[in-house]
Every structure is written in C-alpha cells, then in structure tokens.
Amino acid sequence: MEQPLFTKVLSPVDTTHRLTIPMANLGDFELPPGQHAINIEATDSTQQQWTFRLSIRRNNNPNPRPVFTGQWIRFVREKGLRAGDRIVFSRQQIEGDGVQFRIRAERRIFNYWVNVQ
C-alpha cells in the first residue's frame, strides 16, 4: 500500500534550482550516520525512474535543510512544472525489506489537482 510522505506546492526556487524537502520528512529517508547525501530512486506516474540526490548541510548545522538535486531539474523540465504546481512524494513497501519511492506531479486546474504526465 502506498504511504504519502509529503505534498509540496512548488516555489520558484523549487523549479529552477533544487527542491527543498520539509524538515519533518528527513527521517523518512535512511541517511546513514555521518553522511550528508544519498541517492533516492523514485518512479513517476508514467513508470519512468528518476534519481534524486537528497543532501543536507554539513558540519552538524542546526538547520540541515534537506534538498533534492540530481535529476530534479530535468524532472521539472520534462514535466513542464512551474511555481504553483505541486508534487506528491510517497513510498511503498515491496517484497522483503524493500521500499519503492513514487513521485507524482500535479497542476491545479480550476479547483482540482490533476496529474501532469
């Protein structure tokens, strides 16, 4: 069963540089102790795989500010995303101990959020 992790309305910086992840969701990702970055594989609604680099500030900064980089800007461009659109990031348990991450892009049309393919 799919478990939503976070939903975020995109800011201008999210669509041009990097996606800032809500701090409350940092614990949803297994960042090994002492490391400041890991790769996250996520599948979109068209079953395309994306590799996002989740990183935090170094040197025990009190505000780690988690962000996605890597293929994030390519994802934004290929989906035609802009500020005001949103993403829904979730995870799903798969056989064994595996976890699969999913990402869905949405755009508000009138009062409804619709998938962006």
N, C-alpha and C. Protein backbone atom coordinates (compact mmCIF):
# COMPACT_ATOMS: atom_id res chain seq x y z
N MET A 1 0.85 -1.18 0.00
CA MET A 1 0.00 0.00 0.00
C MET A 1 0.89 1.25 0.00
N GLU A 2 0.50 2.22 -0.78
CA GLU A 2 1.28 3.45 -0.90
C GLU A 2 1.04 4.36 0.30
N GLN A 3 2.12 4.89 0.86
CA GLN A 3 2.05 5.76 2.03
C GLN A 3 2.56 7.15 1.63
N PRO A 4 1.69 8.16 1.61
CA PRO A 4 2.15 9.51 1.28
C PRO A 4 3.16 10.01 2.32
N LEU A 5 4.26 10.61 1.85
CA LEU A 5 5.25 11.18 2.75
C LEU A 5 5.09 12.69 2.86
N PHE A 6 5.03 13.36 1.70
CA PHE A 6 4.79 14.80 1.73
C PHE A 6 4.21 15.27 0.41
N THR A 7 3.49 16.38 0.51
CA THR A 7 2.96 17.09 -0.65
C THR A 7 3.51 18.49 -0.56
N LYS A 8 3.99 19.03 -1.68
CA LYS A 8 4.57 20.36 -1.64
C LYS A 8 4.18 21.15 -2.88
N VAL A 9 3.67 22.36 -2.65
CA VAL A 9 3.42 23.30 -3.73
C VAL A 9 4.78 23.92 -4.07
N LEU A 10 5.12 23.90 -5.35
CA LEU A 10 6.46 24.32 -5.77
C LEU A 10 6.62 25.83 -5.76
N SER A 11 7.76 26.27 -5.24
CA SER A 11 8.15 27.68 -5.25
C SER A 11 8.99 27.95 -6.50
N PRO A 12 9.26 29.22 -6.81
CA PRO A 12 10.15 29.50 -7.95
C PRO A 12 11.52 28.83 -7.80
N VAL A 13 12.10 28.82 -6.61
CA VAL A 13 13.42 28.18 -6.40
C VAL A 13 13.32 26.67 -6.63
N ASP A 14 12.20 26.06 -6.21
CA ASP A 14 12.00 24.63 -6.42
C ASP A 14 12.01 24.27 -7.90
N THR A 15 11.59 25.18 -8.76
CA THR A 15 11.51 24.87 -10.19
C THR A 15 12.75 25.29 -10.97
N THR A 16 13.67 26.01 -10.34
CA THR A 16 14.86 26.47 -11.07
C THR A 16 16.17 25.96 -10.52
N HIS A 17 16.21 25.53 -9.24
CA HIS A 17 17.48 25.12 -8.64
C HIS A 17 17.44 23.76 -7.95
N ARG A 18 16.56 23.62 -6.98
CA ARG A 18 16.50 22.40 -6.17
C ARG A 18 15.16 22.37 -5.45
N LEU A 19 14.75 21.19 -5.03
CA LEU A 19 13.51 21.04 -4.28
C LEU A 19 13.85 20.97 -2.80
N THR A 20 13.34 21.90 -2.03
CA THR A 20 13.53 21.86 -0.59
C THR A 20 12.49 20.90 0.00
N ILE A 21 12.96 19.95 0.77
CA ILE A 21 12.12 18.93 1.39
C ILE A 21 11.70 19.43 2.77
N PRO A 22 10.44 19.20 3.16
CA PRO A 22 10.04 19.58 4.53
C PRO A 22 10.94 18.89 5.56
N MET A 23 11.45 19.65 6.51
CA MET A 23 12.36 19.13 7.53
C MET A 23 11.74 17.95 8.28
N ALA A 24 10.45 17.99 8.49
CA ALA A 24 9.77 16.91 9.22
C ALA A 24 9.88 15.58 8.48
N ASN A 25 10.19 15.60 7.19
CA ASN A 25 10.26 14.37 6.40
C ASN A 25 11.67 13.82 6.24
N LEU A 26 12.66 14.48 6.79
CA LEU A 26 14.03 13.99 6.66
C LEU A 26 14.16 12.57 7.20
N GLY A 27 13.46 12.27 8.29
CA GLY A 27 13.51 10.95 8.90
C GLY A 27 12.88 9.85 8.05
N ASP A 28 12.14 10.21 7.01
CA ASP A 28 11.54 9.21 6.12
C ASP A 28 12.57 8.57 5.19
N PHE A 29 13.76 9.14 5.15
CA PHE A 29 14.82 8.65 4.29
C PHE A 29 15.96 8.15 5.17
N GLU A 30 16.57 7.05 4.79
CA GLU A 30 17.62 6.45 5.61
C GLU A 30 18.97 7.05 5.25
N LEU A 31 19.26 8.18 5.84
CA LEU A 31 20.55 8.84 5.64
C LEU A 31 21.51 8.25 6.68
N PRO A 32 22.52 7.49 6.23
CA PRO A 32 23.44 6.86 7.18
C PRO A 32 24.14 7.90 8.08
N PRO A 33 24.38 7.53 9.33
CA PRO A 33 25.05 8.46 10.24
C PRO A 33 26.39 8.93 9.67
N GLY A 34 26.64 10.21 9.77
CA GLY A 34 27.89 10.78 9.29
C GLY A 34 27.88 11.14 7.82
N GLN A 35 26.85 10.75 7.08
CA GLN A 35 26.78 11.10 5.66
C GLN A 35 25.86 12.29 5.46
N HIS A 36 26.14 13.07 4.43
CA HIS A 36 25.31 14.24 4.18
C HIS A 36 24.50 14.13 2.89
N ALA A 37 24.63 13.01 2.14
CA ALA A 37 23.89 12.87 0.89
C ALA A 37 23.72 11.40 0.52
N ILE A 38 22.56 11.11 -0.10
CA ILE A 38 22.29 9.77 -0.65
C ILE A 38 21.47 9.95 -1.94
N ASN A 39 21.48 8.92 -2.77
CA ASN A 39 20.63 8.92 -3.96
C ASN A 39 19.30 8.26 -3.64
N ILE A 40 18.22 8.86 -4.11
CA ILE A 40 16.88 8.34 -3.94
C ILE A 40 16.33 8.02 -5.33
N GLU A 41 15.92 6.78 -5.54
CA GLU A 41 15.29 6.38 -6.80
C GLU A 41 13.78 6.52 -6.63
N ALA A 42 13.13 7.21 -7.56
CA ALA A 42 11.68 7.38 -7.50
C ALA A 42 11.08 7.12 -8.88
N THR A 43 9.88 6.57 -8.89
CA THR A 43 9.17 6.26 -10.12
C THR A 43 8.00 7.23 -10.25
N ASP A 44 7.82 7.80 -11.46
CA ASP A 44 6.72 8.73 -11.65
C ASP A 44 5.47 8.00 -12.15
N SER A 45 4.42 8.74 -12.48
CA SER A 45 3.15 8.13 -12.88
C SER A 45 3.21 7.47 -14.24
N THR A 46 4.29 7.71 -15.02
CA THR A 46 4.45 7.03 -16.32
C THR A 46 5.43 5.86 -16.21
N GLN A 47 5.81 5.52 -14.98
CA GLN A 47 6.75 4.43 -14.67
C GLN A 47 8.19 4.76 -15.03
N GLN A 48 8.50 6.03 -15.26
CA GLN A 48 9.88 6.44 -15.52
C GLN A 48 10.62 6.56 -14.19
N GLN A 49 11.86 6.09 -14.17
CA GLN A 49 12.71 6.16 -12.98
C GLN A 49 13.48 7.46 -12.96
N TRP A 50 13.57 8.07 -11.78
CA TRP A 50 14.34 9.30 -11.58
C TRP A 50 15.27 9.09 -10.40
N THR A 51 16.48 9.66 -10.50
CA THR A 51 17.43 9.60 -9.39
C THR A 51 17.60 11.01 -8.84
N PHE A 52 17.14 11.19 -7.61
CA PHE A 52 17.29 12.47 -6.93
C PHE A 52 18.38 12.33 -5.88
N ARG A 53 19.15 13.36 -5.70
CA ARG A 53 20.20 13.37 -4.68
C ARG A 53 19.64 14.12 -3.48
N LEU A 54 19.44 13.41 -2.39
CA LEU A 54 18.99 14.03 -1.15
C LEU A 54 20.21 14.43 -0.37
N SER A 55 20.34 15.70 -0.05
CA SER A 55 21.51 16.14 0.72
C SER A 55 21.08 17.13 1.80
N ILE A 56 21.92 17.20 2.81
CA ILE A 56 21.72 18.15 3.91
C ILE A 56 23.01 18.93 4.09
N ARG A 57 22.91 20.04 4.79
CA ARG A 57 24.12 20.83 5.08
C ARG A 57 25.06 20.03 5.95
N ARG A 58 26.34 20.28 5.77
CA ARG A 58 27.37 19.57 6.53
C ARG A 58 27.67 20.25 7.86
N ASN A 59 28.60 19.66 8.57
CA ASN A 59 29.17 20.22 9.80
C ASN A 59 28.15 20.42 10.91
N ASN A 60 27.24 19.46 11.07
CA ASN A 60 26.27 19.49 12.17
C ASN A 60 25.51 20.82 12.25
N ASN A 61 25.19 21.38 11.12
CA ASN A 61 24.42 22.61 11.07
C ASN A 61 23.09 22.37 11.77
N PRO A 62 22.65 23.28 12.65
CA PRO A 62 21.39 23.07 13.38
C PRO A 62 20.17 23.08 12.45
N ASN A 63 20.32 23.63 11.24
CA ASN A 63 19.24 23.62 10.25
C ASN A 63 19.73 22.86 9.02
N PRO A 64 19.56 21.52 8.99
CA PRO A 64 20.14 20.73 7.91
C PRO A 64 19.58 21.04 6.51
N ARG A 65 18.36 21.55 6.42
CA ARG A 65 17.73 21.96 5.16
C ARG A 65 17.87 20.90 4.06
N PRO A 66 17.11 19.81 4.15
CA PRO A 66 17.20 18.76 3.14
C PRO A 66 16.70 19.24 1.77
N VAL A 67 17.42 18.86 0.72
CA VAL A 67 17.05 19.25 -0.64
C VAL A 67 17.25 18.08 -1.60
N PHE A 68 16.47 18.09 -2.69
CA PHE A 68 16.67 17.17 -3.81
C PHE A 68 17.38 17.93 -4.92
N THR A 69 18.44 17.32 -5.45
CA THR A 69 19.11 17.82 -6.65
C THR A 69 19.18 16.62 -7.60
N GLY A 70 20.30 16.38 -8.24
CA GLY A 70 20.40 15.26 -9.16
C GLY A 70 19.53 15.51 -10.38
N GLN A 71 18.60 14.61 -10.66
CA GLN A 71 17.74 14.75 -11.83
C GLN A 71 16.50 15.61 -11.57
N TRP A 72 16.48 16.31 -10.44
CA TRP A 72 15.31 17.10 -10.10
C TRP A 72 14.95 18.13 -11.18
N ILE A 73 15.91 18.94 -11.63
CA ILE A 73 15.62 19.98 -12.62
C ILE A 73 15.20 19.34 -13.95
N ARG A 74 15.79 18.23 -14.30
CA ARG A 74 15.36 17.52 -15.52
C ARG A 74 13.90 17.07 -15.38
N PHE A 75 13.53 16.56 -14.21
CA PHE A 75 12.14 16.16 -13.93
C PHE A 75 11.22 17.36 -14.12
N VAL A 76 11.58 18.51 -13.54
CA VAL A 76 10.78 19.73 -13.66
C VAL A 76 10.59 20.10 -15.13
N ARG A 77 11.68 20.09 -15.89
CA ARG A 77 11.61 20.49 -17.30
C ARG A 77 10.79 19.51 -18.13
N GLU A 78 11.01 18.22 -17.93
CA GLU A 78 10.28 17.24 -18.73
C GLU A 78 8.78 17.24 -18.42
N LYS A 79 8.41 17.56 -17.21
CA LYS A 79 7.00 17.63 -16.84
C LYS A 79 6.41 19.00 -17.12
N GLY A 80 7.26 19.99 -17.43
CA GLY A 80 6.77 21.35 -17.67
C GLY A 80 6.24 22.02 -16.42
N LEU A 81 6.85 21.70 -15.27
CA LEU A 81 6.36 22.24 -14.00
C LEU A 81 6.75 23.69 -13.82
N ARG A 82 5.94 24.38 -13.05
CA ARG A 82 6.18 25.79 -12.75
C ARG A 82 5.74 26.06 -11.31
N ALA A 83 6.13 27.21 -10.80
CA ALA A 83 5.74 27.58 -9.44
C ALA A 83 4.22 27.53 -9.33
N GLY A 84 3.73 26.96 -8.22
CA GLY A 84 2.29 26.80 -8.02
C GLY A 84 1.81 25.38 -8.29
N ASP A 85 2.55 24.63 -9.12
CA ASP A 85 2.24 23.20 -9.29
C ASP A 85 2.66 22.50 -8.00
N ARG A 86 2.34 21.24 -7.88
CA ARG A 86 2.76 20.53 -6.67
C ARG A 86 3.23 19.13 -7.00
N ILE A 87 3.97 18.58 -6.05
CA ILE A 87 4.38 17.19 -6.16
C ILE A 87 3.86 16.44 -4.93
N VAL A 88 3.61 15.17 -5.13
CA VAL A 88 3.22 14.26 -4.06
C VAL A 88 4.28 13.17 -4.05
N PHE A 89 4.98 13.03 -2.93
CA PHE A 89 6.04 12.04 -2.80
C PHE A 89 5.57 10.98 -1.81
N SER A 90 5.69 9.71 -2.20
CA SER A 90 5.21 8.63 -1.34
C SER A 90 6.17 7.45 -1.41
N ARG A 91 5.90 6.48 -0.55
CA ARG A 91 6.70 5.25 -0.58
C ARG A 91 5.76 4.05 -0.46
N GLN A 92 6.28 2.93 -0.93
CA GLN A 92 5.51 1.71 -0.94
C GLN A 92 6.43 0.56 -0.55
N GLN A 93 5.98 -0.27 0.38
CA GLN A 93 6.74 -1.46 0.74
C GLN A 93 6.65 -2.46 -0.40
N ILE A 94 7.77 -3.06 -0.74
CA ILE A 94 7.76 -4.12 -1.74
C ILE A 94 8.27 -5.39 -1.07
N GLU A 95 8.20 -6.50 -1.78
CA GLU A 95 8.58 -7.79 -1.19
C GLU A 95 9.89 -7.71 -0.44
N GLY A 96 9.93 -8.40 0.67
CA GLY A 96 11.13 -8.38 1.51
C GLY A 96 11.19 -7.08 2.30
N ASP A 97 12.37 -6.52 2.41
CA ASP A 97 12.55 -5.28 3.16
C ASP A 97 12.61 -4.06 2.26
N GLY A 98 12.27 -4.21 1.00
CA GLY A 98 12.43 -3.13 0.04
C GLY A 98 11.40 -2.03 0.16
N VAL A 99 11.80 -0.86 -0.27
CA VAL A 99 10.94 0.31 -0.31
C VAL A 99 11.06 0.92 -1.70
N GLN A 100 9.93 1.27 -2.28
CA GLN A 100 9.92 1.94 -3.57
C GLN A 100 9.33 3.33 -3.36
N PHE A 101 10.05 4.36 -3.85
CA PHE A 101 9.54 5.72 -3.75
C PHE A 101 8.81 6.07 -5.04
N ARG A 102 7.76 6.87 -4.90
CA ARG A 102 6.96 7.32 -6.03
C ARG A 102 6.85 8.84 -5.98
N ILE A 103 6.81 9.46 -7.16
CA ILE A 103 6.64 10.91 -7.24
C ILE A 103 5.56 11.20 -8.28
N ARG A 104 4.65 12.08 -7.91
CA ARG A 104 3.57 12.47 -8.82
C ARG A 104 3.54 13.99 -8.91
N ALA A 105 3.48 14.50 -10.13
CA ALA A 105 3.39 15.94 -10.36
C ALA A 105 1.94 16.28 -10.65
N GLU A 106 1.48 17.39 -10.08
CA GLU A 106 0.09 17.81 -10.27
C GLU A 106 0.01 19.31 -10.55
N ARG A 107 -1.03 19.67 -11.29
CA ARG A 107 -1.29 21.08 -11.60
C ARG A 107 -2.74 21.38 -11.24
N ARG A 108 -2.94 22.55 -10.69
CA ARG A 108 -4.29 22.95 -10.31
C ARG A 108 -5.00 23.53 -11.53
N ILE A 109 -6.12 22.92 -11.86
CA ILE A 109 -6.97 23.42 -12.94
C ILE A 109 -8.33 23.68 -12.32
N PHE A 110 -8.71 24.95 -12.30
CA PHE A 110 -9.88 25.41 -11.56
C PHE A 110 -9.67 25.01 -10.10
N ASN A 111 -10.51 24.20 -9.52
CA ASN A 111 -10.31 23.82 -8.11
C ASN A 111 -9.87 22.38 -7.95
N TYR A 112 -9.33 21.77 -9.00
CA TYR A 112 -8.94 20.37 -8.95
C TYR A 112 -7.46 20.22 -9.27
N TRP A 113 -6.81 19.28 -8.56
CA TRP A 113 -5.42 18.93 -8.87
C TRP A 113 -5.46 17.75 -9.82
N VAL A 114 -4.79 17.92 -10.98
CA VAL A 114 -4.75 16.85 -11.98
C VAL A 114 -3.31 16.44 -12.23
N ASN A 115 -3.11 15.16 -12.56
CA ASN A 115 -1.76 14.65 -12.82
C ASN A 115 -1.14 15.30 -14.03
N VAL A 116 0.16 15.57 -13.94
CA VAL A 116 0.94 16.05 -15.07
C VAL A 116 1.75 14.85 -15.53
N GLN A 117 1.56 14.44 -16.76
CA GLN A 117 2.27 13.27 -17.28
C GLN A 117 3.61 13.69 -17.78
